[in-house]
C-alpha atoms as a PDB file:
ATOM      1  CA  UNK A   1      -0.007  -0.178  -0.027  1.00  0.00           C
ATOM      2  CA  UNK A   2       1.574   3.554  -0.619  1.00  0.00           C
ATOM      3  CA  UNK A   3       1.895   6.109   1.736  1.00  0.00           C
ATOM      4  CA  UNK A   4      -0.655   8.662   1.723  1.00  0.00           C
ATOM      5  CA  UNK A   5       0.548  11.816   1.201  1.00  0.00           C
ATOM      6  CA  UNK A   6      -1.044  13.593   4.425  1.00  0.00           C
ATOM      7  CA  UNK A   7      -0.042  12.881   8.338  1.00  0.00           C
ATOM      8  CA  UNK A   8      -1.992  11.535  10.466  1.00  0.00           C
ATOM      9  CA  UNK A   9      -1.242  12.592  14.356  1.00  0.00           C
ATOM     10  CA  UNK A  10      -1.111  10.040  17.114  1.00  0.00           C
ATOM     11  CA  UNK A  11      -3.957  11.446  18.940  1.00  0.00           C
ATOM     12  CA  UNK A  12      -6.204  10.584  15.294  1.00  0.00           C
ATOM     13  CA  UNK A  13      -4.962   7.189  15.530  1.00  0.00           C
ATOM     14  CA  UNK A  14      -5.858   6.925  19.238  1.00  0.00           C
ATOM     15  CA  UNK A  15      -9.127   8.083  18.724  1.00  0.00           C
ATOM     16  CA  UNK A  16      -9.865   5.714  15.982  1.00  0.00           C
ATOM     17  CA  UNK A  17      -8.757   3.116  17.819  1.00  0.00           C
ATOM     18  CA  UNK A  18     -11.196   3.925  20.580  1.00  0.00           C
ATOM     19  CA  UNK A  19     -14.163   4.803  18.361  1.00  0.00           C
ATOM     20  CA  UNK A  20     -13.859   2.262  15.501  1.00  0.00           C
ATOM     21  CA  UNK A  21     -12.280  -1.049  17.637  1.00  0.00           C
ATOM     22  CA  UNK A  22     -13.679  -0.207  20.888  1.00  0.00           C
ATOM     23  CA  UNK A  23     -10.351  -0.102  22.480  1.00  0.00           C
ATOM     24  CA  UNK A  24     -10.645   1.284  26.165  1.00  0.00           C
ATOM     25  CA  UNK A  25      -7.643   3.451  26.599  1.00  0.00           C
ATOM     26  CA  UNK A  26      -8.435   4.424  30.220  1.00  0.00           C
ATOM     27  CA  UNK A  27      -8.597   0.426  31.615  1.00  0.00           C
ATOM     28  CA  UNK A  28      -5.183   0.295  29.505  1.00  0.00           C
ATOM     29  CA  UNK A  29      -3.503   3.045  31.190  1.00  0.00           C
ATOM     30  CA  UNK A  30      -4.558   1.207  34.525  1.00  0.00           C
ATOM     31  CA  UNK A  31      -3.306  -1.851  33.897  1.00  0.00           C
ATOM     32  CA  UNK A  32       0.181  -0.344  32.694  1.00  0.00           C
ATOM     33  CA  UNK A  33       0.382   1.494  35.909  1.00  0.00           C
ATOM     34  CA  UNK A  34      -0.485  -1.260  38.296  1.00  0.00           C
ATOM     35  CA  UNK A  35       2.484  -3.503  36.402  1.00  0.00           C
ATOM     36  CA  UNK A  36       4.907  -0.877  36.846  1.00  0.00           C
ATOM     37  CA  UNK A  37       4.121   0.764  39.886  1.00  0.00           C
ATOM     38  CA  UNK A  38       6.713  -1.688  42.364  1.00  0.00           C
ATOM     39  CA  UNK A  39       9.359  -0.580  39.808  1.00  0.00           C
ATOM     40  CA  UNK A  40       8.185   3.124  39.639  1.00  0.00           C
ATOM     41  CA  UNK A  41       8.796   3.289  43.302  1.00  0.00           C
ATOM     42  CA  UNK A  42      12.170   1.835  43.786  1.00  0.00           C
ATOM     43  CA  UNK A  43      13.167   3.993  40.896  1.00  0.00           C
ATOM     44  CA  UNK A  44      13.596   1.672  38.276  1.00  0.00           C
ATOM     45  CA  UNK A  45      14.309   2.884  34.312  1.00  0.00           C
ATOM     46  CA  UNK A  46      12.173  -0.570  33.200  1.00  0.00           C
ATOM     47  CA  UNK A  47      10.405  -3.100  34.302  1.00  0.00           C
ATOM     48  CA  UNK A  48       9.983  -6.662  32.510  1.00  0.00           C
ATOM     49  CA  UNK A  49       6.334  -8.667  32.819  1.00  0.00           C
ATOM     50  CA  UNK A  50       6.525 -11.748  30.503  1.00  0.00           C
ATOM     51  CA  UNK A  51       7.569 -10.645  26.825  1.00  0.00           C
ATOM     52  CA  UNK A  52       6.910  -7.105  27.681  1.00  0.00           C
ATOM     53  CA  UNK A  53       9.437  -4.710  28.766  1.00  0.00           C
ATOM     54  CA  UNK A  54       8.003  -1.147  29.984  1.00  0.00           C
ATOM     55  CA  UNK A  55      10.592   1.635  29.989  1.00  0.00           C
ATOM     56  CA  UNK A  56      10.050   4.503  32.253  1.00  0.00           C
ATOM     57  CA  UNK A  57      11.713   8.074  33.033  1.00  0.00           C
ATOM     58  CA  UNK A  58      10.937   8.657  36.406  1.00  0.00           C
ATOM     59  CA  UNK A  59       7.215   8.380  37.398  1.00  0.00           C
ATOM     60  CA  UNK A  60       6.251   8.481  33.436  1.00  0.00           C
ATOM     61  CA  UNK A  61       6.028   5.044  31.143  1.00  0.00           C
ATOM     62  CA  UNK A  62       7.549   6.179  28.278  1.00  0.00           C
ATOM     63  CA  UNK A  63       7.382   2.939  25.621  1.00  0.00           C
ATOM     64  CA  UNK A  64       6.318  -0.354  25.498  1.00  0.00           C
ATOM     65  CA  UNK A  65       8.375  -3.008  23.627  1.00  0.00           C
ATOM     66  CA  UNK A  66       7.187  -6.859  23.138  1.00  0.00           C
ATOM     67  CA  UNK A  67       8.701  -9.630  22.042  1.00  0.00           C
ATOM     68  CA  UNK A  68       5.655 -11.475  21.148  1.00  0.00           C
ATOM     69  CA  UNK A  69       3.224 -11.504  17.916  1.00  0.00           C
ATOM     70  CA  UNK A  70       1.042  -8.749  17.507  1.00  0.00           C
ATOM     71  CA  UNK A  71      -2.613  -9.559  18.905  1.00  0.00           C
ATOM     72  CA  UNK A  72      -4.735  -8.309  16.031  1.00  0.00           C
ATOM     73  CA  UNK A  73      -8.024  -6.239  17.174  1.00  0.00           C
ATOM     74  CA  UNK A  74     -10.821  -7.276  15.797  1.00  0.00           C
ATOM     75  CA  UNK A  75     -13.242  -4.423  14.698  1.00  0.00           C
ATOM     76  CA  UNK A  76     -16.051  -3.813  16.961  1.00  0.00           C
ATOM     77  CA  UNK A  77     -18.956  -3.640  14.664  1.00  0.00           C
ATOM     78  CA  UNK A  78     -17.425  -7.151  13.212  1.00  0.00           C
ATOM     79  CA  UNK A  79     -17.550  -8.827  16.407  1.00  0.00           C
END
């Protein structure tokens, strides 16, 4: 597929995932927060849980890296 001649912001992608796929971003933020809470309190710069690494900068999760294959989202309207 050819790259479109426009830029789509991360905000637009996030809203698309919420509204079209029914992704609950608030729940996901809370889930990530619970996973990394102990590491943050101990001043860690990363937390590993299973095949997922959460990179931290202070009290902020800056990125998430997974070694396992991507799980495909199914559109809410197709479910």
